[in-house]
Amino acid sequence: MNQGYIPQTLDKPEQFLFFDVDQFIIATSIVGVGISIGSMVVGLIAGVVTARQYGKLKSGKHPKFAVHLLYWWLPNQFLSKTEATPPSHIRYFLG
């Protein structure tokens, strides 16, 4: 029997040009750094390449993949503190 494709969500993720929003933020940040150091072309190339590589990294993963990475790799001060989720530095639990 032929297995069909089952989408994870019914809505398509928000996009700007051909990038997802989080890829666009990465690309514009790197282009901004390139402009500020006086090398716009290098910043543009580096921004597009980095955004493409990030897109390949997150392909096939959860739509909020970047938020999950931030939770695990940044200290608790950068994210909102909730009572339902434990701090990310506690990796092992009893029970």
PDB file of N, CA and C in Angstrom:
ATOM      1  N   MET A   1       0.835  -1.172   0.000  1.00  0.00           N
ATOM      2  CA  MET A   1       0.000   0.000   0.000  1.00  0.00           C
ATOM      3  C   MET A   1       0.887   1.245   0.000  1.00  0.00           C
ATOM      4  N   ASN A   2       0.510   2.253  -0.729  1.00  0.00           N
ATOM      5  CA  ASN A   2       1.266   3.492  -0.850  1.00  0.00           C
ATOM      6  C   ASN A   2       1.016   4.375   0.370  1.00  0.00           C
ATOM      7  N   GLN A   3       2.068   4.698   1.087  1.00  0.00           N
ATOM      8  CA  GLN A   3       1.947   5.563   2.257  1.00  0.00           C
ATOM      9  C   GLN A   3       1.959   7.018   1.803  1.00  0.00           C
ATOM     10  N   GLY A   4       1.023   7.817   2.283  1.00  0.00           N
ATOM     11  CA  GLY A   4       0.951   9.230   1.917  1.00  0.00           C
ATOM     12  C   GLY A   4       1.703  10.102   2.903  1.00  0.00           C
ATOM     13  N   TYR A   5       1.897  11.345   2.524  1.00  0.00           N
ATOM     14  CA  TYR A   5       2.581  12.315   3.377  1.00  0.00           C
ATOM     15  C   TYR A   5       1.584  12.887   4.362  1.00  0.00           C
ATOM     16  N   ILE A   6       1.926  12.896   5.650  1.00  0.00           N
ATOM     17  CA  ILE A   6       1.080  13.486   6.681  1.00  0.00           C
ATOM     18  C   ILE A   6       1.808  14.709   7.216  1.00  0.00           C
ATOM     19  N   PRO A   7       1.283  15.922   6.974  1.00  0.00           N
ATOM     20  CA  PRO A   7       1.970  17.126   7.461  1.00  0.00           C
ATOM     21  C   PRO A   7       1.878  17.247   8.979  1.00  0.00           C
ATOM     22  N   GLN A   8       2.892  17.876   9.579  1.00  0.00           N
ATOM     23  CA  GLN A   8       2.895  18.079  11.024  1.00  0.00           C
ATOM     24  C   GLN A   8       1.906  19.171  11.421  1.00  0.00           C
ATOM     25  N   THR A   9       1.784  20.197  10.602  1.00  0.00           N
ATOM     26  CA  THR A   9       0.839  21.276  10.875  1.00  0.00           C
ATOM     27  C   THR A   9       0.058  21.580   9.605  1.00  0.00           C
ATOM     28  N   LEU A  10      -1.079  22.222   9.765  1.00  0.00           N
ATOM     29  CA  LEU A  10      -1.870  22.599   8.604  1.00  0.00           C
ATOM     30  C   LEU A  10      -1.424  23.947   8.038  1.00  0.00           C
ATOM     31  N   ASP A  11      -0.794  24.739   8.868  1.00  0.00           N
ATOM     32  CA  ASP A  11      -0.336  26.056   8.435  1.00  0.00           C
ATOM     33  C   ASP A  11       1.106  25.992   7.974  1.00  0.00           C
ATOM     34  N   LYS A  12       1.385  26.710   6.921  1.00  0.00           N
ATOM     35  CA  LYS A  12       2.768  26.805   6.456  1.00  0.00           C
ATOM     36  C   LYS A  12       3.493  27.824   7.339  1.00  0.00           C
ATOM     37  N   PRO A  13       4.746  27.561   7.719  1.00  0.00           N
ATOM     38  CA  PRO A  13       5.457  28.518   8.566  1.00  0.00           C
ATOM     39  C   PRO A  13       5.639  29.864   7.863  1.00  0.00           C
ATOM     40  N   GLU A  14       5.708  30.909   8.663  1.00  0.00           N
ATOM     41  CA  GLU A  14       5.881  32.251   8.114  1.00  0.00           C
ATOM     42  C   GLU A  14       7.220  32.352   7.401  1.00  0.00           C
ATOM     43  N   GLN A  15       7.216  33.029   6.256  1.00  0.00           N
ATOM     44  CA  GLN A  15       8.441  33.172   5.486  1.00  0.00           C
ATOM     45  C   GLN A  15       8.616  34.614   5.023  1.00  0.00           C
ATOM     46  N   PHE A  16       9.874  34.968   4.814  1.00  0.00           N
ATOM     47  CA  PHE A  16      10.232  36.241   4.204  1.00  0.00           C
ATOM     48  C   PHE A  16      11.154  35.908   3.044  1.00  0.00           C
ATOM     49  N   LEU A  17      10.742  36.233   1.855  1.00  0.00           N
ATOM     50  CA  LEU A  17      11.391  35.820   0.613  1.00  0.00           C
ATOM     51  C   LEU A  17      11.427  34.291   0.592  1.00  0.00           C
ATOM     52  N   PHE A  18      12.571  33.659   0.571  1.00  0.00           N
ATOM     53  CA  PHE A  18      12.624  32.202   0.573  1.00  0.00           C
ATOM     54  C   PHE A  18      13.171  31.646   1.884  1.00  0.00           C
ATOM     55  N   PHE A  19      13.258  32.485   2.923  1.00  0.00           N
ATOM     56  CA  PHE A  19      13.740  32.062   4.239  1.00  0.00           C
ATOM     57  C   PHE A  19      12.578  31.978   5.223  1.00  0.00           C
ATOM     58  N   ASP A  20      12.690  31.064   6.186  1.00  0.00           N
ATOM     59  CA  ASP A  20      11.794  31.105   7.342  1.00  0.00           C
ATOM     60  C   ASP A  20      12.190  32.306   8.183  1.00  0.00           C
ATOM     61  N   VAL A  21      11.342  32.669   9.136  1.00  0.00           N
ATOM     62  CA  VAL A  21      11.593  33.879   9.921  1.00  0.00           C
ATOM     63  C   VAL A  21      12.897  33.772  10.715  1.00  0.00           C
ATOM     64  N   ASP A  22      13.143  32.631  11.342  1.00  0.00           N
ATOM     65  CA  ASP A  22      14.369  32.508  12.134  1.00  0.00           C
ATOM     66  C   ASP A  22      15.615  32.511  11.244  1.00  0.00           C
ATOM     67  N   GLN A  23      15.531  31.951  10.049  1.00  0.00           N
ATOM     68  CA  GLN A  23      16.651  32.020   9.113  1.00  0.00           C
ATOM     69  C   GLN A  23      16.879  33.457   8.656  1.00  0.00           C
ATOM     70  N   PHE A  24      15.801  34.185   8.442  1.00  0.00           N
ATOM     71  CA  PHE A  24      15.914  35.582   8.018  1.00  0.00           C
ATOM     72  C   PHE A  24      16.579  36.431   9.094  1.00  0.00           C
ATOM     73  N   ILE A  25      16.245  36.175  10.356  1.00  0.00           N
ATOM     74  CA  ILE A  25      16.867  36.928  11.455  1.00  0.00           C
ATOM     75  C   ILE A  25      18.365  36.649  11.500  1.00  0.00           C
ATOM     76  N   ILE A  26      18.750  35.394  11.314  1.00  0.00           N
ATOM     77  CA  ILE A  26      20.176  35.043  11.301  1.00  0.00           C
ATOM     78  C   ILE A  26      20.887  35.742  10.146  1.00  0.00           C
ATOM     79  N   ALA A  27      20.284  35.692   8.959  1.00  0.00           N
ATOM     80  CA  ALA A  27      20.909  36.287   7.780  1.00  0.00           C
ATOM     81  C   ALA A  27      21.048  37.804   7.926  1.00  0.00           C
ATOM     82  N   THR A  28      19.993  38.483   8.378  1.00  0.00           N
ATOM     83  CA  THR A  28      20.074  39.941   8.504  1.00  0.00           C
ATOM     84  C   THR A  28      21.037  40.359   9.614  1.00  0.00           C
ATOM     85  N   SER A  29      21.149  39.559  10.666  1.00  0.00           N
ATOM     86  CA  SER A  29      22.110  39.882  11.722  1.00  0.00           C
ATOM     87  C   SER A  29      23.544  39.828  11.188  1.00  0.00           C
ATOM     88  N   ILE A  30      23.846  38.794  10.434  1.00  0.00           N
ATOM     89  CA  ILE A  30      25.204  38.664   9.899  1.00  0.00           C
ATOM     90  C   ILE A  30      25.467  39.720   8.835  1.00  0.00           C
ATOM     91  N   VAL A  31      24.472  40.039   8.017  1.00  0.00           N
ATOM     92  CA  VAL A  31      24.643  41.111   7.031  1.00  0.00           C
ATOM     93  C   VAL A  31      24.858  42.442   7.748  1.00  0.00           C
ATOM     94  N   GLY A  32      24.134  42.674   8.847  1.00  0.00           N
ATOM     95  CA  GLY A  32      24.322  43.900   9.626  1.00  0.00           C
ATOM     96  C   GLY A  32      25.721  44.010  10.205  1.00  0.00           C
ATOM     97  N   VAL A  33      26.251  42.900  10.682  1.00  0.00           N
ATOM     98  CA  VAL A  33      27.632  42.904  11.191  1.00  0.00           C
ATOM     99  C   VAL A  33      28.594  43.194  10.043  1.00  0.00           C
ATOM    100  N   GLY A  34      28.349  42.601   8.885  1.00  0.00           N
ATOM    101  CA  GLY A  34      29.202  42.853   7.717  1.00  0.00           C
ATOM    102  C   GLY A  34      29.173  44.309   7.296  1.00  0.00           C
ATOM    103  N   ILE A  35      27.996  44.922   7.330  1.00  0.00           N
ATOM    104  CA  ILE A  35      27.887  46.345   6.974  1.00  0.00           C
ATOM    105  C   ILE A  35      28.606  47.205   8.004  1.00  0.00           C
ATOM    106  N   SER A  36      28.472  46.848   9.291  1.00  0.00           N
ATOM    107  CA  SER A  36      29.089  47.672  10.333  1.00  0.00           C
ATOM    108  C   SER A  36      30.618  47.614  10.302  1.00  0.00           C
ATOM    109  N   ILE A  37      31.183  46.510   9.814  1.00  0.00           N
ATOM    110  CA  ILE A  37      32.648  46.450   9.717  1.00  0.00           C
ATOM    111  C   ILE A  37      33.139  46.898   8.337  1.00  0.00           C
ATOM    112  N   GLY A  38      32.210  47.310   7.474  1.00  0.00           N
ATOM    113  CA  GLY A  38      32.595  47.871   6.186  1.00  0.00           C
ATOM    114  C   GLY A  38      32.794  46.854   5.077  1.00  0.00           C
ATOM    115  N   SER A  39      32.226  45.694   5.222  1.00  0.00           N
ATOM    116  CA  SER A  39      32.369  44.672   4.197  1.00  0.00           C
ATOM    117  C   SER A  39      31.000  44.058   3.912  1.00  0.00           C
ATOM    118  N   MET A  40      30.175  44.796   3.174  1.00  0.00           N
ATOM    119  CA  MET A  40      28.802  44.383   2.946  1.00  0.00           C
ATOM    120  C   MET A  40      28.705  43.102   2.123  1.00  0.00           C
ATOM    121  N   VAL A  41      29.533  42.954   1.104  1.00  0.00           N
ATOM    122  CA  VAL A  41      29.456  41.789   0.228  1.00  0.00           C
ATOM    123  C   VAL A  41      29.812  40.519   1.004  1.00  0.00           C
ATOM    124  N   VAL A  42      30.867  40.581   1.796  1.00  0.00           N
ATOM    125  CA  VAL A  42      31.256  39.420   2.599  1.00  0.00           C
ATOM    126  C   VAL A  42      30.168  39.107   3.620  1.00  0.00           C
ATOM    127  N   GLY A  43      29.593  40.129   4.237  1.00  0.00           N
ATOM    128  CA  GLY A  43      28.500  39.924   5.183  1.00  0.00           C
ATOM    129  C   GLY A  43      27.276  39.323   4.526  1.00  0.00           C
ATOM    130  N   LEU A  44      26.965  39.759   3.317  1.00  0.00           N
ATOM    131  CA  LEU A  44      25.824  39.217   2.588  1.00  0.00           C
ATOM    132  C   LEU A  44      26.030  37.749   2.248  1.00  0.00           C
ATOM    133  N   ILE A  45      27.205  37.422   1.756  1.00  0.00           N
ATOM    134  CA  ILE A  45      27.507  36.030   1.411  1.00  0.00           C
ATOM    135  C   ILE A  45      27.509  35.155   2.664  1.00  0.00           C
ATOM    136  N   ALA A  46      28.148  35.635   3.719  1.00  0.00           N
ATOM    137  CA  ALA A  46      28.201  34.858   4.960  1.00  0.00           C
ATOM    138  C   ALA A  46      26.809  34.693   5.569  1.00  0.00           C
ATOM    139  N   GLY A  47      25.975  35.729   5.493  1.00  0.00           N
ATOM    140  CA  GLY A  47      24.619  35.645   6.031  1.00  0.00           C
ATOM    141  C   GLY A  47      23.766  34.636   5.293  1.00  0.00           C
ATOM    142  N   VAL A  48      23.829  34.644   3.971  1.00  0.00           N
ATOM    143  CA  VAL A  48      23.037  33.704   3.180  1.00  0.00           C
ATOM    144  C   VAL A  48      23.523  32.272   3.407  1.00  0.00           C
ATOM    145  N   VAL A  49      24.838  32.079   3.414  1.00  0.00           N
ATOM    146  CA  VAL A  49      25.381  30.731   3.619  1.00  0.00           C
ATOM    147  C   VAL A  49      25.024  30.211   5.017  1.00  0.00           C
ATOM    148  N   THR A  50      25.149  31.050   6.034  1.00  0.00           N
ATOM    149  CA  THR A  50      24.832  30.627   7.397  1.00  0.00           C
ATOM    150  C   THR A  50      23.345  30.309   7.540  1.00  0.00           C
ATOM    151  N   ALA A  51      22.483  31.135   6.944  1.00  0.00           N
ATOM    152  CA  ALA A  51      21.047  30.872   7.015  1.00  0.00           C
ATOM    153  C   ALA A  51      20.687  29.580   6.295  1.00  0.00           C
ATOM    154  N   ARG A  52      21.315  29.310   5.169  1.00  0.00           N
ATOM    155  CA  ARG A  52      21.072  28.049   4.446  1.00  0.00           C
ATOM    156  C   ARG A  52      21.526  26.843   5.275  1.00  0.00           C
ATOM    157  N   GLN A  53      22.693  26.946   5.903  1.00  0.00           N
ATOM    158  CA  GLN A  53      23.198  25.851   6.721  1.00  0.00           C
ATOM    159  C   GLN A  53      22.291  25.612   7.934  1.00  0.00           C
ATOM    160  N   TYR A  54      21.804  26.687   8.536  1.00  0.00           N
ATOM    161  CA  TYR A  54      20.867  26.548   9.649  1.00  0.00           C
ATOM    162  C   TYR A  54      19.574  25.888   9.174  1.00  0.00           C
ATOM    163  N   GLY A  55      19.116  26.235   7.978  1.00  0.00           N
ATOM    164  CA  GLY A  55      17.927  25.606   7.415  1.00  0.00           C
ATOM    165  C   GLY A  55      18.118  24.119   7.202  1.00  0.00           C
ATOM    166  N   LYS A  56      19.302  23.735   6.746  1.00  0.00           N
ATOM    167  CA  LYS A  56      19.589  22.304   6.585  1.00  0.00           C
ATOM    168  C   LYS A  56      19.654  21.606   7.937  1.00  0.00           C
ATOM    169  N   LEU A  57      20.189  22.296   8.949  1.00  0.00           N
ATOM    170  CA  LEU A  57      20.286  21.724  10.288  1.00  0.00           C
ATOM    171  C   LEU A  57      18.908  21.459  10.873  1.00  0.00           C
ATOM    172  N   LYS A  58      17.985  22.381  10.687  1.00  0.00           N
ATOM    173  CA  LYS A  58      16.674  22.237  11.312  1.00  0.00           C
ATOM    174  C   LYS A  58      15.656  21.516  10.444  1.00  0.00           C
ATOM    175  N   SER A  59      16.007  21.124   9.243  1.00  0.00           N
ATOM    176  CA  SER A  59      15.046  20.438   8.381  1.00  0.00           C
ATOM    177  C   SER A  59      14.692  19.074   8.968  1.00  0.00           C
ATOM    178  N   GLY A  60      13.419  18.785   8.977  1.00  0.00           N
ATOM    179  CA  GLY A  60      12.940  17.526   9.520  1.00  0.00           C
ATOM    180  C   GLY A  60      12.791  17.523  11.031  1.00  0.00           C
ATOM    181  N   LYS A  61      13.052  18.637  11.674  1.00  0.00           N
ATOM    182  CA  LYS A  61      12.941  18.716  13.130  1.00  0.00           C
ATOM    183  C   LYS A  61      11.696  19.517  13.504  1.00  0.00           C
ATOM    184  N   HIS A  62      11.467  19.663  14.778  1.00  0.00           N
ATOM    185  CA  HIS A  62      10.312  20.392  15.302  1.00  0.00           C
ATOM    186  C   HIS A  62      10.340  21.846  14.818  1.00  0.00           C
ATOM    187  N   PRO A  63       9.171  22.443  14.548  1.00  0.00           N
ATOM    188  CA  PRO A  63       9.153  23.848  14.080  1.00  0.00           C
ATOM    189  C   PRO A  63       9.802  24.836  15.054  1.00  0.00           C
ATOM    190  N   LYS A  64       9.769  24.557  16.335  1.00  0.00           N
ATOM    191  CA  LYS A  64      10.396  25.436  17.337  1.00  0.00           C
ATOM    192  C   LYS A  64      11.763  24.914  17.763  1.00  0.00           C
ATOM    193  N   PHE A  65      12.501  24.386  16.805  1.00  0.00           N
ATOM    194  CA  PHE A  65      13.817  23.812  17.059  1.00  0.00           C
ATOM    195  C   PHE A  65      14.764  24.828  17.687  1.00  0.00           C
ATOM    196  N   ALA A  66      14.738  26.073  17.232  1.00  0.00           N
ATOM    197  CA  ALA A  66      15.640  27.102  17.760  1.00  0.00           C
ATOM    198  C   ALA A  66      15.344  27.392  19.227  1.00  0.00           C
ATOM    199  N   VAL A  67      14.075  27.401  19.609  1.00  0.00           N
ATOM    200  CA  VAL A  67      13.714  27.647  21.007  1.00  0.00           C
ATOM    201  C   VAL A  67      14.231  26.512  21.885  1.00  0.00           C
ATOM    202  N   HIS A  68      14.156  25.291  21.380  1.00  0.00           N
ATOM    203  CA  HIS A  68      14.673  24.152  22.139  1.00  0.00           C
ATOM    204  C   HIS A  68      16.184  24.268  22.316  1.00  0.00           C
ATOM    205  N   LEU A  69      16.900  24.676  21.283  1.00  0.00           N
ATOM    206  CA  LEU A  69      18.348  24.866  21.413  1.00  0.00           C
ATOM    207  C   LEU A  69      18.672  25.945  22.439  1.00  0.00           C
ATOM    208  N   LEU A  70      17.935  27.058  22.388  1.00  0.00           N
ATOM    209  CA  LEU A  70      18.179  28.138  23.344  1.00  0.00           C
ATOM    210  C   LEU A  70      17.923  27.679  24.770  1.00  0.00           C
ATOM    211  N   TYR A  71      16.899  26.858  24.979  1.00  0.00           N
ATOM    212  CA  TYR A  71      16.602  26.363  26.330  1.00  0.00           C
ATOM    213  C   TYR A  71      17.762  25.539  26.866  1.00  0.00           C
ATOM    214  N   TRP A  72      18.333  24.684  26.040  1.00  0.00           N
ATOM    215  CA  TRP A  72      19.377  23.801  26.526  1.00  0.00           C
ATOM    216  C   TRP A  72      20.741  24.464  26.632  1.00  0.00           C
ATOM    217  N   TRP A  73      21.027  25.477  25.837  1.00  0.00           N
ATOM    218  CA  TRP A  73      22.386  26.017  25.800  1.00  0.00           C
ATOM    219  C   TRP A  73      22.568  27.377  26.450  1.00  0.00           C
ATOM    220  N   LEU A  74      21.496  28.111  26.716  1.00  0.00           N
ATOM    221  CA  LEU A  74      21.638  29.419  27.376  1.00  0.00           C
ATOM    222  C   LEU A  74      21.311  29.302  28.861  1.00  0.00           C
ATOM    223  N   PRO A  75      21.900  30.165  29.686  1.00  0.00           N
ATOM    224  CA  PRO A  75      21.536  30.176  31.109  1.00  0.00           C
ATOM    225  C   PRO A  75      20.080  30.596  31.303  1.00  0.00           C
ATOM    226  N   ASN A  76      19.547  30.333  32.471  1.00  0.00           N
ATOM    227  CA  ASN A  76      18.134  30.602  32.748  1.00  0.00           C
ATOM    228  C   ASN A  76      17.773  32.079  32.708  1.00  0.00           C
ATOM    229  N   GLN A  77      18.722  32.976  32.878  1.00  0.00           N
ATOM    230  CA  GLN A  77      18.413  34.396  32.889  1.00  0.00           C
ATOM    231  C   GLN A  77      17.878  34.877  31.542  1.00  0.00           C
ATOM    232  N   PHE A  78      18.230  34.201  30.456  1.00  0.00           N
ATOM    233  CA  PHE A  78      17.838  34.647  29.130  1.00  0.00           C
ATOM    234  C   PHE A  78      16.426  34.212  28.739  1.00  0.00           C
ATOM    235  N   LEU A  79      15.905  33.194  29.377  1.00  0.00           N
ATOM    236  CA  LEU A  79      14.579  32.692  29.056  1.00  0.00           C
ATOM    237  C   LEU A  79      13.628  32.975  30.201  1.00  0.00           C
ATOM    238  N   SER A  80      12.337  32.997  29.901  1.00  0.00           N
ATOM    239  CA  SER A  80      11.368  33.250  30.962  1.00  0.00           C
ATOM    240  C   SER A  80      11.330  32.061  31.910  1.00  0.00           C
ATOM    241  N   LYS A  81      11.212  32.352  33.167  1.00  0.00           N
ATOM    242  CA  LYS A  81      11.189  31.296  34.171  1.00  0.00           C
ATOM    243  C   LYS A  81       9.739  30.872  34.394  1.00  0.00           C
ATOM    244  N   THR A  82       9.494  29.610  34.187  1.00  0.00           N
ATOM    245  CA  THR A  82       8.171  29.068  34.452  1.00  0.00           C
ATOM    246  C   THR A  82       8.279  28.002  35.519  1.00  0.00           C
ATOM    247  N   GLU A  83       7.169  27.724  36.164  1.00  0.00           N
ATOM    248  CA  GLU A  83       7.175  26.709  37.210  1.00  0.00           C
ATOM    249  C   GLU A  83       7.053  25.309  36.620  1.00  0.00           C
ATOM    250  N   ALA A  84       6.532  25.212  35.404  1.00  0.00           N
ATOM    251  CA  ALA A  84       6.285  23.897  34.815  1.00  0.00           C
ATOM    252  C   ALA A  84       7.553  23.258  34.260  1.00  0.00           C
ATOM    253  N   THR A  85       8.474  24.051  33.777  1.00  0.00           N
ATOM    254  CA  THR A  85       9.695  23.480  33.205  1.00  0.00           C
ATOM    255  C   THR A  85      10.850  23.667  34.177  1.00  0.00           C
ATOM    256  N   PRO A  86      11.624  22.631  34.389  1.00  0.00           N
ATOM    257  CA  PRO A  86      12.767  22.749  35.303  1.00  0.00           C
ATOM    258  C   PRO A  86      13.900  23.524  34.645  1.00  0.00           C
ATOM    259  N   PRO A  87      14.846  24.016  35.430  1.00  0.00           N
ATOM    260  CA  PRO A  87      16.009  24.684  34.850  1.00  0.00           C
ATOM    261  C   PRO A  87      16.780  23.722  33.948  1.00  0.00           C
ATOM    262  N   SER A  88      17.388  24.251  32.912  1.00  0.00           N
ATOM    263  CA  SER A  88      18.037  23.391  31.926  1.00  0.00           C
ATOM    264  C   SER A  88      19.325  22.763  32.446  1.00  0.00           C
ATOM    265  N   HIS A  89      19.905  23.313  33.517  1.00  0.00           N
ATOM    266  CA  HIS A  89      21.152  22.722  34.016  1.00  0.00           C
ATOM    267  C   HIS A  89      20.904  21.458  34.833  1.00  0.00           C
ATOM    268  N   ILE A  90      19.669  21.186  35.229  1.00  0.00           N
ATOM    269  CA  ILE A  90      19.340  19.952  35.937  1.00  0.00           C
ATOM    270  C   ILE A  90      19.005  18.905  34.884  1.00  0.00           C
ATOM    271  N   ARG A  91      19.907  17.960  34.670  1.00  0.00           N
ATOM    272  CA  ARG A  91      19.749  17.000  33.586  1.00  0.00           C
ATOM    273  C   ARG A  91      19.219  15.658  34.060  1.00  0.00           C
ATOM    274  N   TYR A  92      19.393  15.315  35.330  1.00  0.00           N
ATOM    275  CA  TYR A  92      18.991  13.994  35.827  1.00  0.00           C
ATOM    276  C   TYR A  92      18.016  14.185  36.990  1.00  0.00           C
ATOM    277  N   PHE A  93      16.958  13.402  36.969  1.00  0.00           N
ATOM    278  CA  PHE A  93      15.927  13.501  37.996  1.00  0.00           C
ATOM    279  C   PHE A  93      15.730  12.142  38.644  1.00  0.00           C
ATOM    280  N   LEU A  94      15.328  12.162  39.889  1.00  0.00           N
ATOM    281  CA  LEU A  94      14.971  10.915  40.584  1.00  0.00           C
ATOM    282  C   LEU A  94      13.467  10.727  40.472  1.00  0.00           C
ATOM    283  N   GLY A  95      13.039   9.508  40.221  1.00  0.00           N
ATOM    284  CA  GLY A  95      11.606   9.251  40.218  1.00  0.00           C
ATOM    285  C   GLY A  95      11.041   8.861  38.980  1.00  0.00           C
TER     286      GLY A  95
END
